[in-house]
């Protein structure tokens, strides 16, 4: 479903972040990506989502190179097939929680179903008429996760999705993400510093200057 082919990315002062990075993920796979700060984990998610472009190499979704799509086609692909949980949440302050969560359904012109169900799934039942200003940071994060999952995307990208959540809520949210990914035969990537969060994935990848490589969270292995 997702193929990274010889990705290179550098920033200011020629600081190379990703070097000749290649990896393939299939539909139904849910992986966690870990690594030191500054190694390029968030950059990698942005490249996969087409929010940034590699200096060289290709990101392919179902065999189609993102670079081959014009702006309109890339936007349509993201709208229909991607669910992205940003660290900054990007919840629209002038919309209610229900309206924020329903946005992907509206943009894809599909029935407004599952909104109340998703609110309940993230522990915000009966809060649909509230506005973002009435929520804590952790509650806003849960709204962002519900919005990312509502339209059953085929690719779920989550950047530190449990950073503002207590351990019990984080576990419930991670289980929800895992269930949605598996139920929809989607591909899921979670970037996290949390070993507890990473442990919910099918397997864990470490991102370093040497690429993406599977690792074990068990210190005995």
C-alpha atoms as a PDB file:
ATOM      1  CA  UNK A   1       0.000   0.000   0.000  1.00  0.00           C
ATOM      2  CA  UNK A   2       2.847   2.381   0.922  1.00  0.00           C
ATOM      3  CA  UNK A   3       6.310   2.324  -0.578  1.00  0.00           C
ATOM      4  CA  UNK A   4       9.175   4.655   0.254  1.00  0.00           C
ATOM      5  CA  UNK A   5      11.754   4.505  -2.491  1.00  0.00           C
ATOM      6  CA  UNK A   6      15.221   6.020  -1.944  1.00  0.00           C
ATOM      7  CA  UNK A   7      13.958   9.074  -0.033  1.00  0.00           C
ATOM      8  CA  UNK A   8      16.419  11.889   0.662  1.00  0.00           C
ATOM      9  CA  UNK A   9      15.605  15.062   2.589  1.00  0.00           C
ATOM     10  CA  UNK A  10      17.826  17.863   3.850  1.00  0.00           C
ATOM     11  CA  UNK A  11      17.087  21.154   5.587  1.00  0.00           C
ATOM     12  CA  UNK A  12      18.919  24.422   6.217  1.00  0.00           C
ATOM     13  CA  UNK A  13      22.701  24.404   6.137  1.00  0.00           C
ATOM     14  CA  UNK A  14      22.584  21.081   4.257  1.00  0.00           C
ATOM     15  CA  UNK A  15      21.517  19.166   7.375  1.00  0.00           C
ATOM     16  CA  UNK A  16      20.626  15.777   5.964  1.00  0.00           C
ATOM     17  CA  UNK A  17      17.636  14.284   7.772  1.00  0.00           C
ATOM     18  CA  UNK A  18      16.692  11.263   5.658  1.00  0.00           C
ATOM     19  CA  UNK A  19      19.262   9.449   3.534  1.00  0.00           C
ATOM     20  CA  UNK A  20      18.336   6.960   0.790  1.00  0.00           C
ATOM     21  CA  UNK A  21      15.398   5.716   2.868  1.00  0.00           C
ATOM     22  CA  UNK A  22      13.423   2.789   1.465  1.00  0.00           C
ATOM     23  CA  UNK A  23      10.654   0.754   3.069  1.00  0.00           C
ATOM     24  CA  UNK A  24       7.365  -0.935   2.137  1.00  0.00           C
ATOM     25  CA  UNK A  25       4.220  -1.322   4.243  1.00  0.00           C
ATOM     26  CA  UNK A  26       1.254  -3.452   3.242  1.00  0.00           C
ATOM     27  CA  UNK A  27      -2.447  -2.939   3.842  1.00  0.00           C
ATOM     28  CA  UNK A  28      -3.425  -4.016   7.343  1.00  0.00           C
ATOM     29  CA  UNK A  29      -0.002  -3.337   8.857  1.00  0.00           C
ATOM     30  CA  UNK A  30       0.214  -1.046  11.878  1.00  0.00           C
ATOM     31  CA  UNK A  31       3.721   0.009  12.837  1.00  0.00           C
ATOM     32  CA  UNK A  32       5.323   2.309  15.381  1.00  0.00           C
ATOM     33  CA  UNK A  33       8.295   4.487  14.431  1.00  0.00           C
ATOM     34  CA  UNK A  34      10.712   5.484  17.168  1.00  0.00           C
ATOM     35  CA  UNK A  35      14.062   7.252  17.161  1.00  0.00           C
ATOM     36  CA  UNK A  36      16.056  10.067  18.671  1.00  0.00           C
ATOM     37  CA  UNK A  37      14.734  13.643  18.574  1.00  0.00           C
ATOM     38  CA  UNK A  38      15.624  15.399  15.338  1.00  0.00           C
ATOM     39  CA  UNK A  39      16.154  12.221  13.366  1.00  0.00           C
ATOM     40  CA  UNK A  40      13.257  13.042  11.027  1.00  0.00           C
ATOM     41  CA  UNK A  41      10.226  11.144  12.314  1.00  0.00           C
ATOM     42  CA  UNK A  42       7.730  13.991  11.836  1.00  0.00           C
ATOM     43  CA  UNK A  43       9.404  14.876   8.534  1.00  0.00           C
ATOM     44  CA  UNK A  44       8.841  11.317   7.377  1.00  0.00           C
ATOM     45  CA  UNK A  45       5.105  11.528   8.141  1.00  0.00           C
ATOM     46  CA  UNK A  46       4.834  14.848   6.294  1.00  0.00           C
ATOM     47  CA  UNK A  47       6.570  13.367   3.250  1.00  0.00           C
ATOM     48  CA  UNK A  48       4.272  10.348   3.231  1.00  0.00           C
ATOM     49  CA  UNK A  49       1.211  12.611   3.483  1.00  0.00           C
ATOM     50  CA  UNK A  50       2.449  14.818   0.661  1.00  0.00           C
ATOM     51  CA  UNK A  51       2.609  17.841   2.957  1.00  0.00           C
ATOM     52  CA  UNK A  52       6.312  18.097   2.145  1.00  0.00           C
ATOM     53  CA  UNK A  53       8.357  16.847  -0.790  1.00  0.00           C
ATOM     54  CA  UNK A  54      11.570  14.805  -0.764  1.00  0.00           C
ATOM     55  CA  UNK A  55      14.693  16.219  -2.369  1.00  0.00           C
ATOM     56  CA  UNK A  56      14.887  12.968  -4.283  1.00  0.00           C
ATOM     57  CA  UNK A  57      13.154   9.600  -4.238  1.00  0.00           C
ATOM     58  CA  UNK A  58       9.490   8.680  -4.366  1.00  0.00           C
ATOM     59  CA  UNK A  59       6.551   8.088  -2.036  1.00  0.00           C
ATOM     60  CA  UNK A  60       4.120   5.660  -3.674  1.00  0.00           C
ATOM     61  CA  UNK A  61       0.553   5.003  -2.538  1.00  0.00           C
ATOM     62  CA  UNK A  62      -0.936   1.880  -4.133  1.00  0.00           C
ATOM     63  CA  UNK A  63       1.782   2.114  -6.757  1.00  0.00           C
ATOM     64  CA  UNK A  64       1.097   5.767  -7.613  1.00  0.00           C
ATOM     65  CA  UNK A  65       3.915   8.254  -6.984  1.00  0.00           C
ATOM     66  CA  UNK A  66       2.768  11.274  -4.997  1.00  0.00           C
ATOM     67  CA  UNK A  67       5.045  13.426  -7.161  1.00  0.00           C
ATOM     68  CA  UNK A  68       3.053  12.447 -10.247  1.00  0.00           C
ATOM     69  CA  UNK A  69      -0.135  14.024  -8.862  1.00  0.00           C
ATOM     70  CA  UNK A  70      -1.029  17.670  -9.365  1.00  0.00           C
ATOM     71  CA  UNK A  71      -2.207  19.710  -6.377  1.00  0.00           C
ATOM     72  CA  UNK A  72      -5.889  18.897  -6.917  1.00  0.00           C
ATOM     73  CA  UNK A  73      -5.300  15.162  -7.268  1.00  0.00           C
ATOM     74  CA  UNK A  74      -3.028  15.061  -4.214  1.00  0.00           C
ATOM     75  CA  UNK A  75      -5.617  16.967  -2.175  1.00  0.00           C
ATOM     76  CA  UNK A  76      -8.366  14.554  -3.210  1.00  0.00           C
ATOM     77  CA  UNK A  77      -6.217  11.561  -2.309  1.00  0.00           C
ATOM     78  CA  UNK A  78      -5.442  12.958   1.141  1.00  0.00           C
ATOM     79  CA  UNK A  79      -9.067  13.913   1.712  1.00  0.00           C
ATOM     80  CA  UNK A  80     -10.414  10.482   0.849  1.00  0.00           C
ATOM     81  CA  UNK A  81      -7.730   8.046   1.904  1.00  0.00           C
ATOM     82  CA  UNK A  82      -5.613   9.669   4.642  1.00  0.00           C
ATOM     83  CA  UNK A  83      -6.218  10.243   8.316  1.00  0.00           C
ATOM     84  CA  UNK A  84      -3.577  12.445   9.975  1.00  0.00           C
ATOM     85  CA  UNK A  85      -3.188  13.168  13.689  1.00  0.00           C
ATOM     86  CA  UNK A  86      -0.987  16.250  14.044  1.00  0.00           C
ATOM     87  CA  UNK A  87       0.928  17.144  17.208  1.00  0.00           C
ATOM     88  CA  UNK A  88      -0.696  20.591  17.031  1.00  0.00           C
ATOM     89  CA  UNK A  89      -4.200  19.025  16.629  1.00  0.00           C
ATOM     90  CA  UNK A  90      -5.464  21.705  14.142  1.00  0.00           C
ATOM     91  CA  UNK A  91      -8.969  21.678  15.609  1.00  0.00           C
ATOM     92  CA  UNK A  92     -11.034  24.535  14.131  1.00  0.00           C
ATOM     93  CA  UNK A  93     -12.057  26.826  17.015  1.00  0.00           C
ATOM     94  CA  UNK A  94     -15.272  28.172  15.433  1.00  0.00           C
ATOM     95  CA  UNK A  95     -16.760  24.685  14.920  1.00  0.00           C
ATOM     96  CA  UNK A  96     -18.278  22.412  17.545  1.00  0.00           C
ATOM     97  CA  UNK A  97     -16.616  19.118  18.381  1.00  0.00           C
ATOM     98  CA  UNK A  98     -19.162  17.227  16.291  1.00  0.00           C
ATOM     99  CA  UNK A  99     -18.607  19.555  13.339  1.00  0.00           C
ATOM    100  CA  UNK A 100     -14.821  19.183  13.609  1.00  0.00           C
ATOM    101  CA  UNK A 101     -15.079  15.400  13.634  1.00  0.00           C
ATOM    102  CA  UNK A 102     -17.580  15.398  10.751  1.00  0.00           C
ATOM    103  CA  UNK A 103     -15.335  17.474   8.455  1.00  0.00           C
ATOM    104  CA  UNK A 104     -13.825  14.495   6.560  1.00  0.00           C
ATOM    105  CA  UNK A 105     -17.347  13.175   5.902  1.00  0.00           C
ATOM    106  CA  UNK A 106     -18.511  16.551   4.615  1.00  0.00           C
ATOM    107  CA  UNK A 107     -15.450  17.004   2.412  1.00  0.00           C
ATOM    108  CA  UNK A 108     -15.945  13.552   0.910  1.00  0.00           C
ATOM    109  CA  UNK A 109     -19.693  14.112   0.456  1.00  0.00           C
ATOM    110  CA  UNK A 110     -20.626  10.974   2.387  1.00  0.00           C
ATOM    111  CA  UNK A 111     -23.389  10.499   5.001  1.00  0.00           C
ATOM    112  CA  UNK A 112     -22.773  12.070   8.387  1.00  0.00           C
ATOM    113  CA  UNK A 113     -22.656   8.844  10.306  1.00  0.00           C
ATOM    114  CA  UNK A 114     -20.485   7.646  13.184  1.00  0.00           C
ATOM    115  CA  UNK A 115     -19.978  11.130  14.633  1.00  0.00           C
ATOM    116  CA  UNK A 116     -21.688  10.396  17.946  1.00  0.00           C
ATOM    117  CA  UNK A 117     -20.164   6.923  17.975  1.00  0.00           C
ATOM    118  CA  UNK A 118     -16.663   8.325  17.532  1.00  0.00           C
ATOM    119  CA  UNK A 119     -17.229  10.931  20.241  1.00  0.00           C
ATOM    120  CA  UNK A 120     -18.201   8.120  22.597  1.00  0.00           C
ATOM    121  CA  UNK A 121     -15.264   5.989  21.472  1.00  0.00           C
ATOM    122  CA  UNK A 122     -12.801   8.719  22.503  1.00  0.00           C
ATOM    123  CA  UNK A 123     -14.542   9.367  25.828  1.00  0.00           C
ATOM    124  CA  UNK A 124     -16.434  12.520  24.803  1.00  0.00           C
ATOM    125  CA  UNK A 125     -20.012  11.255  24.622  1.00  0.00           C
ATOM    126  CA  UNK A 126     -22.638  14.026  24.709  1.00  0.00           C
ATOM    127  CA  UNK A 127     -19.979  16.684  24.157  1.00  0.00           C
ATOM    128  CA  UNK A 128     -20.675  17.205  20.454  1.00  0.00           C
ATOM    129  CA  UNK A 129     -22.154  20.689  20.933  1.00  0.00           C
ATOM    130  CA  UNK A 130     -19.164  21.942  22.932  1.00  0.00           C
ATOM    131  CA  UNK A 131     -16.530  24.165  21.343  1.00  0.00           C
ATOM    132  CA  UNK A 132     -12.764  23.560  21.405  1.00  0.00           C
ATOM    133  CA  UNK A 133     -12.203  26.394  23.898  1.00  0.00           C
ATOM    134  CA  UNK A 134     -14.086  24.304  26.480  1.00  0.00           C
ATOM    135  CA  UNK A 135     -11.656  21.382  26.229  1.00  0.00           C
ATOM    136  CA  UNK A 136      -8.320  20.495  27.768  1.00  0.00           C
ATOM    137  CA  UNK A 137      -5.295  19.631  25.651  1.00  0.00           C
ATOM    138  CA  UNK A 138      -5.894  15.928  26.134  1.00  0.00           C
ATOM    139  CA  UNK A 139      -9.531  16.257  25.089  1.00  0.00           C
ATOM    140  CA  UNK A 140      -8.531  18.189  21.968  1.00  0.00           C
ATOM    141  CA  UNK A 141      -6.109  15.407  21.110  1.00  0.00           C
ATOM    142  CA  UNK A 142      -8.951  12.898  21.334  1.00  0.00           C
ATOM    143  CA  UNK A 143     -11.078  15.025  18.985  1.00  0.00           C
ATOM    144  CA  UNK A 144      -8.200  15.063  16.501  1.00  0.00           C
ATOM    145  CA  UNK A 145      -7.942  11.266  16.648  1.00  0.00           C
ATOM    146  CA  UNK A 146     -11.699  10.834  16.162  1.00  0.00           C
ATOM    147  CA  UNK A 147     -11.571  13.157  13.146  1.00  0.00           C
ATOM    148  CA  UNK A 148      -8.669  11.213  11.644  1.00  0.00           C
ATOM    149  CA  UNK A 149     -10.546   7.906  11.884  1.00  0.00           C
ATOM    150  CA  UNK A 150     -14.143   8.936  11.120  1.00  0.00           C
ATOM    151  CA  UNK A 151     -14.043   8.364   7.334  1.00  0.00           C
ATOM    152  CA  UNK A 152     -12.311   4.973   7.541  1.00  0.00           C
ATOM    153  CA  UNK A 153      -9.093   6.098   5.827  1.00  0.00           C
ATOM    154  CA  UNK A 154      -6.773   3.618   4.154  1.00  0.00           C
ATOM    155  CA  UNK A 155      -3.665   5.302   5.559  1.00  0.00           C
ATOM    156  CA  UNK A 156      -3.529   6.520   9.168  1.00  0.00           C
ATOM    157  CA  UNK A 157      -0.579   8.714  10.178  1.00  0.00           C
ATOM    158  CA  UNK A 158      -0.292   9.749  13.825  1.00  0.00           C
ATOM    159  CA  UNK A 159       2.411  12.009  15.270  1.00  0.00           C
ATOM    160  CA  UNK A 160       2.717  11.465  19.046  1.00  0.00           C
ATOM    161  CA  UNK A 161      -1.056  10.844  19.364  1.00  0.00           C
ATOM    162  CA  UNK A 162      -0.950  10.119  23.100  1.00  0.00           C
ATOM    163  CA  UNK A 163       1.397  12.908  24.196  1.00  0.00           C
ATOM    164  CA  UNK A 164      -1.297  14.731  26.217  1.00  0.00           C
ATOM    165  CA  UNK A 165      -3.172  11.711  27.540  1.00  0.00           C
ATOM    166  CA  UNK A 166      -3.032   9.899  30.871  1.00  0.00           C
ATOM    167  CA  UNK A 167      -1.933   6.231  30.655  1.00  0.00           C
ATOM    168  CA  UNK A 168      -5.422   4.701  30.872  1.00  0.00           C
ATOM    169  CA  UNK A 169      -6.918   7.028  28.258  1.00  0.00           C
ATOM    170  CA  UNK A 170      -3.859   6.592  26.048  1.00  0.00           C
ATOM    171  CA  UNK A 171      -4.309   2.816  26.140  1.00  0.00           C
ATOM    172  CA  UNK A 172      -7.988   3.077  25.182  1.00  0.00           C
ATOM    173  CA  UNK A 173      -7.219   5.480  22.322  1.00  0.00           C
ATOM    174  CA  UNK A 174      -4.424   3.274  20.995  1.00  0.00           C
ATOM    175  CA  UNK A 175      -6.722   0.242  21.073  1.00  0.00           C
ATOM    176  CA  UNK A 176      -9.320   2.236  19.131  1.00  0.00           C
ATOM    177  CA  UNK A 177      -6.737   3.201  16.504  1.00  0.00           C
ATOM    178  CA  UNK A 178      -5.580  -0.383  16.198  1.00  0.00           C
ATOM    179  CA  UNK A 179      -9.145  -1.689  15.861  1.00  0.00           C
ATOM    180  CA  UNK A 180     -10.037   0.871  13.195  1.00  0.00           C
ATOM    181  CA  UNK A 181      -6.883   0.161  11.204  1.00  0.00           C
ATOM    182  CA  UNK A 182      -7.463  -3.584  11.272  1.00  0.00           C
ATOM    183  CA  UNK A 183     -11.216  -3.348  10.591  1.00  0.00           C
ATOM    184  CA  UNK A 184     -10.621  -1.240   7.484  1.00  0.00           C
ATOM    185  CA  UNK A 185      -7.537  -3.133   6.251  1.00  0.00           C
ATOM    186  CA  UNK A 186      -5.706   0.169   6.463  1.00  0.00           C
ATOM    187  CA  UNK A 187      -2.024   0.921   6.876  1.00  0.00           C
ATOM    188  CA  UNK A 188      -1.137   2.701  10.119  1.00  0.00           C
ATOM    189  CA  UNK A 189       2.015   4.503  11.226  1.00  0.00           C
ATOM    190  CA  UNK A 190       2.395   5.981  14.688  1.00  0.00           C
ATOM    191  CA  UNK A 191       5.412   8.122  15.578  1.00  0.00           C
ATOM    192  CA  UNK A 192       6.029   7.981  19.311  1.00  0.00           C
ATOM    193  CA  UNK A 193       8.592   8.211  22.094  1.00  0.00           C
ATOM    194  CA  UNK A 194       6.386   6.027  24.307  1.00  0.00           C
ATOM    195  CA  UNK A 195       7.306   2.364  24.617  1.00  0.00           C
ATOM    196  CA  UNK A 196       3.778   1.650  25.872  1.00  0.00           C
ATOM    197  CA  UNK A 197       2.296   3.226  22.749  1.00  0.00           C
ATOM    198  CA  UNK A 198       4.751   1.492  20.439  1.00  0.00           C
ATOM    199  CA  UNK A 199       3.943  -1.868  22.015  1.00  0.00           C
ATOM    200  CA  UNK A 200       0.382  -1.700  20.636  1.00  0.00           C
ATOM    201  CA  UNK A 201       1.670  -1.822  17.048  1.00  0.00           C
ATOM    202  CA  UNK A 202       2.313  -4.981  15.059  1.00  0.00           C
ATOM    203  CA  UNK A 203       6.016  -4.186  15.187  1.00  0.00           C
ATOM    204  CA  UNK A 204       8.375  -1.297  15.900  1.00  0.00           C
ATOM    205  CA  UNK A 205      10.770   0.451  13.528  1.00  0.00           C
ATOM    206  CA  UNK A 206      13.708   2.566  14.611  1.00  0.00           C
ATOM    207  CA  UNK A 207      14.499   5.537  12.373  1.00  0.00           C
ATOM    208  CA  UNK A 208      18.149   6.560  12.249  1.00  0.00           C
ATOM    209  CA  UNK A 209      20.672   7.820   9.701  1.00  0.00           C
ATOM    210  CA  UNK A 210      20.946   4.192   8.643  1.00  0.00           C
ATOM    211  CA  UNK A 211      17.264   3.948   7.683  1.00  0.00           C
ATOM    212  CA  UNK A 212      14.228   2.168   9.126  1.00  0.00           C
ATOM    213  CA  UNK A 213      14.942  -1.089  10.912  1.00  0.00           C
ATOM    214  CA  UNK A 214      12.778  -3.355  13.090  1.00  0.00           C
ATOM    215  CA  UNK A 215      13.661  -3.372  16.779  1.00  0.00           C
ATOM    216  CA  UNK A 216      12.469  -5.158  19.891  1.00  0.00           C
ATOM    217  CA  UNK A 217      11.162  -3.274  22.891  1.00  0.00           C
ATOM    218  CA  UNK A 218      12.159  -6.184  25.122  1.00  0.00           C
ATOM    219  CA  UNK A 219      15.538  -5.316  26.674  1.00  0.00           C
ATOM    220  CA  UNK A 220      16.276  -9.048  26.930  1.00  0.00           C
ATOM    221  CA  UNK A 221      16.181  -9.449  23.137  1.00  0.00           C
END
